[in-house]
Each structure stands twice: as C-alpha cells, then as structure tokens.
Amino acid sequence: MYSAVTQNVEVVAIPLYAPERSAPEEGRWFWTYTIEIVNHGPIQVQLVERCWTITDAAGRVETVRGPGVVGEMPILDPGATFRYTSGCALNTASGIMFGAYRMVDANGNAFDAEIPAFSLDSPAEKRVIN
C-alpha cells in the first residue's frame, strides 16, 4: 500500500500483478491497481482530471492525462471516500507509476492531489537492490 496526502485529500494506491491477463512469453505484463481517495478536509472536493506518468523497466515513459477517473468526476463530501480499480500493461516485467489528480474544492480553488509513486513488479522477476 502506498499513500500520500495533499491539502487534506489522501490518495492510497494498491497495485496487484494480474498473471491471468499477462503473457510474459509475448512480452506483456499486466497489473491492476486500486485507488482510494479520502476527503479528510472540512469542505467538499471534486476530482476533475487525472495525470499519470508510467515508466517501464527499459526507461520508456508514457504520460496519460484526461478528465476524471473511470468515466466519473467524483464529488467527495467531508469524510467521504471514493474507490476504483483500473489497470496498466507494460512491455517489461516491472515499472513505476505516479501522478496527480486535479481537485477543485467547493470554493472553486483548484489543487493537485499527489498520487504516490508505486511499483509494478512481477512476482517472477528477480529483485535487485542497489
């Protein structure tokens, strides 16, 4: 589990390797990740945009930007939680993802809530610690 808090908005990321959707012999690895967004603040916030940076083990970088998440622009009242699951495919057995959600509070103030960096690791891959 990976977590970050920005202006009372907590983002928790839980990645999970998906062997049933992966084909290492064809150079394709797949992960699902569950994101939980919690509004710990005193006013309502809305997620209006996402921006992800995805880097594979070969150093290839992809940026994914768009409105909302999974077709929604969730509004979170104080104390509310929004949770969704999505996925990511790579051409290598490991990688890393991080990003930000553009949030707008009930007063019209916009800010970027950090999505913590999390690793995408195939359980079959040998881990190297530097």
N, C-alpha and C. Protein backbone atom coordinates (compact mmCIF):
# COMPACT_ATOMS: atom_id res chain seq x y z
N MET A 1 0.84 -1.17 0.00
CA MET A 1 0.00 0.00 0.00
C MET A 1 0.89 1.24 0.00
N TYR A 2 0.51 2.22 -0.81
CA TYR A 2 1.24 3.47 -0.93
C TYR A 2 0.25 4.60 -0.65
N SER A 3 0.70 5.66 0.05
CA SER A 3 -0.23 6.71 0.45
C SER A 3 0.43 8.09 0.37
N ALA A 4 -0.37 9.10 0.01
CA ALA A 4 0.07 10.49 0.02
C ALA A 4 -1.12 11.36 0.41
N VAL A 5 -0.83 12.47 1.10
CA VAL A 5 -1.88 13.41 1.50
C VAL A 5 -1.50 14.80 0.99
N THR A 6 -2.45 15.44 0.30
CA THR A 6 -2.28 16.80 -0.20
C THR A 6 -3.52 17.60 0.18
N GLN A 7 -3.37 18.67 0.91
CA GLN A 7 -4.48 19.54 1.30
C GLN A 7 -5.69 18.75 1.79
N ASN A 8 -5.45 17.84 2.70
CA ASN A 8 -6.48 17.02 3.34
C ASN A 8 -7.11 15.97 2.45
N VAL A 9 -6.55 15.75 1.26
CA VAL A 9 -7.03 14.68 0.38
C VAL A 9 -5.98 13.58 0.39
N GLU A 10 -6.39 12.40 0.88
CA GLU A 10 -5.48 11.25 0.92
C GLU A 10 -5.74 10.36 -0.28
N VAL A 11 -4.65 9.96 -0.95
CA VAL A 11 -4.72 9.03 -2.07
C VAL A 11 -3.93 7.79 -1.68
N VAL A 12 -4.58 6.65 -1.70
CA VAL A 12 -3.96 5.37 -1.38
C VAL A 12 -3.98 4.51 -2.64
N ALA A 13 -2.83 3.91 -2.96
CA ALA A 13 -2.73 3.05 -4.14
C ALA A 13 -2.31 1.65 -3.73
N ILE A 14 -3.00 0.65 -4.29
CA ILE A 14 -2.69 -0.75 -4.01
C ILE A 14 -2.57 -1.48 -5.34
N PRO A 15 -1.32 -1.73 -5.81
CA PRO A 15 -1.13 -2.45 -7.08
C PRO A 15 -1.16 -3.96 -6.86
N LEU A 16 -1.55 -4.69 -7.91
CA LEU A 16 -1.60 -6.14 -7.84
C LEU A 16 -1.28 -6.71 -9.21
N TYR A 17 -0.27 -7.55 -9.29
CA TYR A 17 0.08 -8.20 -10.55
C TYR A 17 -1.06 -9.13 -10.96
N ALA A 18 -1.41 -9.12 -12.25
CA ALA A 18 -2.52 -9.93 -12.77
C ALA A 18 -1.98 -10.97 -13.75
N PRO A 19 -1.56 -12.15 -13.25
CA PRO A 19 -0.99 -13.16 -14.14
C PRO A 19 -1.96 -13.66 -15.20
N GLU A 20 -3.26 -13.66 -14.89
CA GLU A 20 -4.26 -14.14 -15.84
C GLU A 20 -4.42 -13.22 -17.05
N ARG A 21 -3.96 -11.98 -16.92
CA ARG A 21 -4.03 -11.02 -18.03
C ARG A 21 -2.65 -10.73 -18.63
N SER A 22 -1.64 -11.43 -18.12
CA SER A 22 -0.27 -11.23 -18.59
C SER A 22 0.15 -12.37 -19.51
N ALA A 23 1.11 -12.08 -20.37
CA ALA A 23 1.69 -13.08 -21.27
C ALA A 23 3.19 -12.79 -21.40
N PRO A 24 3.97 -13.14 -20.37
CA PRO A 24 5.40 -12.83 -20.38
C PRO A 24 6.13 -13.37 -21.61
N GLU A 25 5.70 -14.54 -22.10
CA GLU A 25 6.34 -15.12 -23.28
C GLU A 25 6.13 -14.26 -24.52
N GLU A 26 5.13 -13.37 -24.47
CA GLU A 26 4.86 -12.44 -25.56
C GLU A 26 5.29 -11.01 -25.21
N GLY A 27 5.96 -10.86 -24.06
CA GLY A 27 6.43 -9.54 -23.65
C GLY A 27 5.34 -8.62 -23.16
N ARG A 28 4.36 -9.17 -22.44
CA ARG A 28 3.25 -8.37 -21.92
C ARG A 28 2.97 -8.73 -20.47
N TRP A 29 3.03 -7.73 -19.60
CA TRP A 29 2.73 -7.90 -18.18
C TRP A 29 1.63 -6.93 -17.82
N PHE A 30 0.72 -7.35 -16.93
CA PHE A 30 -0.44 -6.53 -16.59
C PHE A 30 -0.63 -6.47 -15.08
N TRP A 31 -0.98 -5.28 -14.60
CA TRP A 31 -1.28 -5.06 -13.20
C TRP A 31 -2.62 -4.36 -13.08
N THR A 32 -3.34 -4.66 -12.02
CA THR A 32 -4.48 -3.84 -11.63
C THR A 32 -4.00 -2.98 -10.46
N TYR A 33 -4.67 -1.87 -10.27
CA TYR A 33 -4.38 -1.05 -9.10
C TYR A 33 -5.70 -0.48 -8.60
N THR A 34 -5.82 -0.50 -7.29
CA THR A 34 -7.00 0.08 -6.65
C THR A 34 -6.58 1.38 -6.01
N ILE A 35 -7.35 2.41 -6.28
CA ILE A 35 -7.10 3.73 -5.72
C ILE A 35 -8.24 4.08 -4.78
N GLU A 36 -7.88 4.57 -3.61
CA GLU A 36 -8.87 5.06 -2.66
C GLU A 36 -8.54 6.53 -2.39
N ILE A 37 -9.53 7.39 -2.57
CA ILE A 37 -9.37 8.83 -2.34
C ILE A 37 -10.28 9.20 -1.18
N VAL A 38 -9.69 9.81 -0.15
CA VAL A 38 -10.44 10.16 1.06
C VAL A 38 -10.34 11.67 1.29
N ASN A 39 -11.49 12.30 1.49
CA ASN A 39 -11.51 13.73 1.80
C ASN A 39 -11.50 13.89 3.32
N HIS A 40 -10.33 14.23 3.86
CA HIS A 40 -10.20 14.47 5.31
C HIS A 40 -10.46 15.93 5.65
N GLY A 41 -10.76 16.75 4.66
CA GLY A 41 -10.93 18.19 4.87
C GLY A 41 -12.32 18.58 5.30
N PRO A 42 -12.49 19.88 5.59
CA PRO A 42 -13.78 20.38 6.07
C PRO A 42 -14.76 20.77 4.97
N ILE A 43 -14.31 20.78 3.69
CA ILE A 43 -15.22 21.16 2.61
C ILE A 43 -15.18 20.13 1.48
N GLN A 44 -16.23 20.16 0.68
CA GLN A 44 -16.38 19.25 -0.45
C GLN A 44 -15.28 19.49 -1.50
N VAL A 45 -14.84 18.40 -2.14
CA VAL A 45 -13.89 18.49 -3.25
C VAL A 45 -14.39 17.60 -4.39
N GLN A 46 -13.97 17.96 -5.61
CA GLN A 46 -14.31 17.15 -6.77
C GLN A 46 -13.06 16.85 -7.57
N LEU A 47 -12.91 15.59 -7.99
CA LEU A 47 -11.83 15.18 -8.87
C LEU A 47 -12.26 15.48 -10.30
N VAL A 48 -11.49 16.33 -11.00
CA VAL A 48 -11.90 16.72 -12.35
C VAL A 48 -10.95 16.23 -13.44
N GLU A 49 -9.72 15.89 -13.08
CA GLU A 49 -8.75 15.46 -14.09
C GLU A 49 -7.70 14.56 -13.46
N ARG A 50 -7.11 13.69 -14.30
CA ARG A 50 -6.02 12.84 -13.83
C ARG A 50 -4.82 13.03 -14.74
N CYS A 51 -3.64 12.83 -14.18
CA CYS A 51 -2.41 12.83 -14.95
C CYS A 51 -1.48 11.78 -14.35
N TRP A 52 -1.15 10.77 -15.15
CA TRP A 52 -0.28 9.67 -14.72
C TRP A 52 1.02 9.72 -15.52
N THR A 53 2.11 9.36 -14.86
CA THR A 53 3.38 9.11 -15.53
C THR A 53 3.72 7.65 -15.26
N ILE A 54 3.90 6.89 -16.33
CA ILE A 54 4.17 5.45 -16.23
C ILE A 54 5.52 5.19 -16.88
N THR A 55 6.43 4.57 -16.13
CA THR A 55 7.77 4.29 -16.64
C THR A 55 8.02 2.79 -16.52
N ASP A 56 8.44 2.16 -17.63
CA ASP A 56 8.74 0.72 -17.57
C ASP A 56 10.22 0.51 -17.24
N ALA A 57 10.61 -0.74 -17.09
CA ALA A 57 11.97 -1.08 -16.68
C ALA A 57 13.02 -0.70 -17.73
N ALA A 58 12.60 -0.47 -18.96
CA ALA A 58 13.52 -0.05 -20.02
C ALA A 58 13.65 1.47 -20.08
N GLY A 59 12.95 2.17 -19.20
CA GLY A 59 13.03 3.62 -19.16
C GLY A 59 12.06 4.33 -20.08
N ARG A 60 11.18 3.59 -20.74
CA ARG A 60 10.16 4.22 -21.58
C ARG A 60 9.12 4.90 -20.69
N VAL A 61 8.80 6.15 -21.01
CA VAL A 61 7.87 6.94 -20.20
C VAL A 61 6.63 7.26 -21.02
N GLU A 62 5.48 7.04 -20.40
CA GLU A 62 4.20 7.39 -21.01
C GLU A 62 3.43 8.29 -20.05
N THR A 63 2.85 9.36 -20.57
CA THR A 63 2.01 10.24 -19.76
C THR A 63 0.57 10.07 -20.21
N VAL A 64 -0.31 9.86 -19.25
CA VAL A 64 -1.73 9.66 -19.52
C VAL A 64 -2.48 10.77 -18.80
N ARG A 65 -3.23 11.55 -19.55
CA ARG A 65 -3.97 12.68 -19.00
C ARG A 65 -5.40 12.63 -19.52
N GLY A 66 -6.35 13.01 -18.66
CA GLY A 66 -7.72 13.03 -19.13
C GLY A 66 -8.68 13.46 -18.04
N PRO A 67 -9.95 13.63 -18.41
CA PRO A 67 -10.95 14.05 -17.43
C PRO A 67 -11.31 12.91 -16.48
N GLY A 68 -11.47 13.23 -15.21
CA GLY A 68 -11.96 12.28 -14.22
C GLY A 68 -11.19 10.98 -14.16
N VAL A 69 -11.86 9.97 -13.60
CA VAL A 69 -11.32 8.61 -13.50
C VAL A 69 -12.44 7.63 -13.78
N VAL A 70 -12.15 6.57 -14.49
CA VAL A 70 -13.10 5.52 -14.86
C VAL A 70 -14.47 6.09 -15.26
N GLY A 71 -14.44 7.15 -16.05
CA GLY A 71 -15.67 7.75 -16.55
C GLY A 71 -16.43 8.60 -15.55
N GLU A 72 -15.83 8.90 -14.41
CA GLU A 72 -16.51 9.68 -13.38
C GLU A 72 -15.67 10.87 -12.95
N MET A 73 -16.35 11.88 -12.44
CA MET A 73 -15.72 13.03 -11.78
C MET A 73 -16.32 13.09 -10.38
N PRO A 74 -15.83 12.22 -9.50
CA PRO A 74 -16.48 12.06 -8.19
C PRO A 74 -16.39 13.32 -7.33
N ILE A 75 -17.48 13.56 -6.61
CA ILE A 75 -17.55 14.64 -5.61
C ILE A 75 -17.47 13.97 -4.25
N LEU A 76 -16.55 14.46 -3.42
CA LEU A 76 -16.36 13.88 -2.09
C LEU A 76 -16.69 14.91 -1.03
N ASP A 77 -17.74 14.64 -0.27
CA ASP A 77 -18.07 15.47 0.88
C ASP A 77 -17.02 15.24 1.96
N PRO A 78 -16.95 16.11 2.98
CA PRO A 78 -16.01 15.87 4.08
C PRO A 78 -16.21 14.47 4.67
N GLY A 79 -15.13 13.73 4.80
CA GLY A 79 -15.17 12.38 5.35
C GLY A 79 -15.49 11.29 4.34
N ALA A 80 -15.82 11.67 3.12
CA ALA A 80 -16.22 10.69 2.10
C ALA A 80 -15.00 10.03 1.44
N THR A 81 -15.24 8.84 0.90
CA THR A 81 -14.21 8.04 0.22
C THR A 81 -14.74 7.63 -1.15
N PHE A 82 -13.86 7.67 -2.15
CA PHE A 82 -14.16 7.16 -3.47
C PHE A 82 -13.10 6.13 -3.81
N ARG A 83 -13.52 4.96 -4.29
CA ARG A 83 -12.58 3.87 -4.60
C ARG A 83 -12.87 3.35 -6.00
N TYR A 84 -11.80 3.08 -6.74
CA TYR A 84 -11.95 2.49 -8.07
C TYR A 84 -10.75 1.60 -8.37
N THR A 85 -10.93 0.72 -9.34
CA THR A 85 -9.86 -0.16 -9.79
C THR A 85 -9.68 0.01 -11.28
N SER A 86 -8.42 0.08 -11.71
CA SER A 86 -8.09 0.20 -13.11
C SER A 86 -6.89 -0.70 -13.39
N GLY A 87 -6.27 -0.57 -14.56
CA GLY A 87 -5.17 -1.45 -14.89
C GLY A 87 -4.12 -0.78 -15.75
N CYS A 88 -2.97 -1.46 -15.84
CA CYS A 88 -1.84 -0.95 -16.60
C CYS A 88 -1.07 -2.13 -17.19
N ALA A 89 -0.79 -2.05 -18.49
CA ALA A 89 0.01 -3.07 -19.17
C ALA A 89 1.38 -2.49 -19.48
N LEU A 90 2.41 -3.31 -19.34
CA LEU A 90 3.77 -2.90 -19.68
C LEU A 90 4.40 -3.95 -20.59
N ASN A 91 5.44 -3.53 -21.29
CA ASN A 91 6.23 -4.45 -22.12
C ASN A 91 7.45 -4.99 -21.37
N THR A 92 7.55 -4.67 -20.09
CA THR A 92 8.62 -5.17 -19.23
C THR A 92 7.99 -5.74 -17.97
N ALA A 93 8.77 -6.52 -17.22
CA ALA A 93 8.25 -7.20 -16.03
C ALA A 93 8.15 -6.31 -14.80
N SER A 94 8.53 -5.04 -14.94
CA SER A 94 8.39 -4.12 -13.82
C SER A 94 8.32 -2.69 -14.33
N GLY A 95 7.91 -1.81 -13.44
CA GLY A 95 7.81 -0.40 -13.77
C GLY A 95 7.35 0.39 -12.57
N ILE A 96 7.02 1.64 -12.80
CA ILE A 96 6.57 2.51 -11.72
C ILE A 96 5.53 3.48 -12.27
N MET A 97 4.58 3.84 -11.42
CA MET A 97 3.54 4.82 -11.77
C MET A 97 3.44 5.86 -10.68
N PHE A 98 3.14 7.09 -11.07
CA PHE A 98 2.82 8.15 -10.12
C PHE A 98 2.04 9.21 -10.87
N GLY A 99 1.51 10.19 -10.16
CA GLY A 99 0.77 11.23 -10.85
C GLY A 99 0.09 12.18 -9.90
N ALA A 100 -1.01 12.79 -10.42
CA ALA A 100 -1.78 13.74 -9.63
C ALA A 100 -3.21 13.77 -10.13
N TYR A 101 -4.11 14.07 -9.21
CA TYR A 101 -5.50 14.34 -9.54
C TYR A 101 -5.74 15.83 -9.37
N ARG A 102 -6.30 16.46 -10.39
CA ARG A 102 -6.70 17.87 -10.25
C ARG A 102 -8.01 17.88 -9.50
N MET A 103 -7.99 18.54 -8.36
CA MET A 103 -9.16 18.64 -7.50
C MET A 103 -9.62 20.09 -7.48
N VAL A 104 -10.93 20.29 -7.31
CA VAL A 104 -11.49 21.61 -7.15
C VAL A 104 -12.38 21.56 -5.90
N ASP A 105 -12.13 22.50 -4.97
CA ASP A 105 -12.93 22.47 -3.74
C ASP A 105 -14.21 23.29 -3.94
N ALA A 106 -15.08 23.25 -2.94
CA ALA A 106 -16.39 23.91 -3.01
C ALA A 106 -16.28 25.42 -3.16
N ASN A 107 -15.11 25.99 -2.86
CA ASN A 107 -14.90 27.43 -3.03
C ASN A 107 -14.32 27.76 -4.39
N GLY A 108 -14.13 26.75 -5.25
CA GLY A 108 -13.59 26.98 -6.59
C GLY A 108 -12.08 26.96 -6.67
N ASN A 109 -11.40 26.64 -5.56
CA ASN A 109 -9.94 26.57 -5.55
C ASN A 109 -9.48 25.23 -6.11
N ALA A 110 -8.54 25.28 -7.06
CA ALA A 110 -8.01 24.05 -7.67
C ALA A 110 -6.65 23.73 -7.07
N PHE A 111 -6.37 22.44 -6.94
CA PHE A 111 -5.06 21.98 -6.48
C PHE A 111 -4.83 20.57 -7.01
N ASP A 112 -3.58 20.17 -7.03
CA ASP A 112 -3.21 18.83 -7.49
C ASP A 112 -2.95 17.93 -6.29
N ALA A 113 -3.75 16.88 -6.15
CA ALA A 113 -3.56 15.89 -5.09
C ALA A 113 -2.59 14.83 -5.60
N GLU A 114 -1.51 14.65 -4.88
CA GLU A 114 -0.47 13.70 -5.29
C GLU A 114 -0.99 12.27 -5.29
N ILE A 115 -0.69 11.55 -6.37
CA ILE A 115 -0.86 10.10 -6.41
C ILE A 115 0.52 9.54 -6.09
N PRO A 116 0.68 8.79 -5.00
CA PRO A 116 2.01 8.34 -4.62
C PRO A 116 2.61 7.40 -5.67
N ALA A 117 3.92 7.47 -5.81
CA ALA A 117 4.61 6.54 -6.71
C ALA A 117 4.44 5.13 -6.17
N PHE A 118 4.12 4.19 -7.06
CA PHE A 118 4.06 2.79 -6.65
C PHE A 118 4.68 1.91 -7.71
N SER A 119 5.28 0.83 -7.24
CA SER A 119 6.00 -0.05 -8.16
C SER A 119 5.08 -1.13 -8.70
N LEU A 120 5.37 -1.50 -9.94
CA LEU A 120 4.68 -2.59 -10.62
C LEU A 120 5.74 -3.68 -10.80
N ASP A 121 5.63 -4.74 -10.03
CA ASP A 121 6.64 -5.79 -10.05
C ASP A 121 6.00 -7.15 -10.29
N SER A 122 6.54 -7.87 -11.25
CA SER A 122 6.10 -9.24 -11.48
C SER A 122 6.71 -10.11 -10.38
N PRO A 123 5.93 -10.98 -9.76
CA PRO A 123 6.48 -11.84 -8.70
C PRO A 123 7.54 -12.82 -9.23
N ALA A 124 7.56 -13.07 -10.53
CA ALA A 124 8.54 -14.00 -11.12
C ALA A 124 9.87 -13.32 -11.38
N GLU A 125 9.90 -11.99 -11.33
CA GLU A 125 11.11 -11.23 -11.65
C GLU A 125 12.04 -11.20 -10.43
N LYS A 126 13.32 -11.43 -10.68
CA LYS A 126 14.32 -11.36 -9.61
C LYS A 126 14.50 -9.91 -9.20
N ARG A 127 14.39 -9.63 -7.91
CA ARG A 127 14.55 -8.26 -7.39
C ARG A 127 16.03 -7.97 -7.16
N VAL A 128 16.42 -6.78 -7.57
CA VAL A 128 17.80 -6.32 -7.37
C VAL A 128 17.76 -5.07 -6.52
N ILE A 129 18.51 -5.09 -5.43
CA ILE A 129 18.58 -3.92 -4.54
C ILE A 129 19.92 -3.25 -4.77
N ASN A 130 19.87 -1.97 -5.08
CA ASN A 130 21.11 -1.22 -5.32
C ASN A 130 21.56 -0.52 -4.06
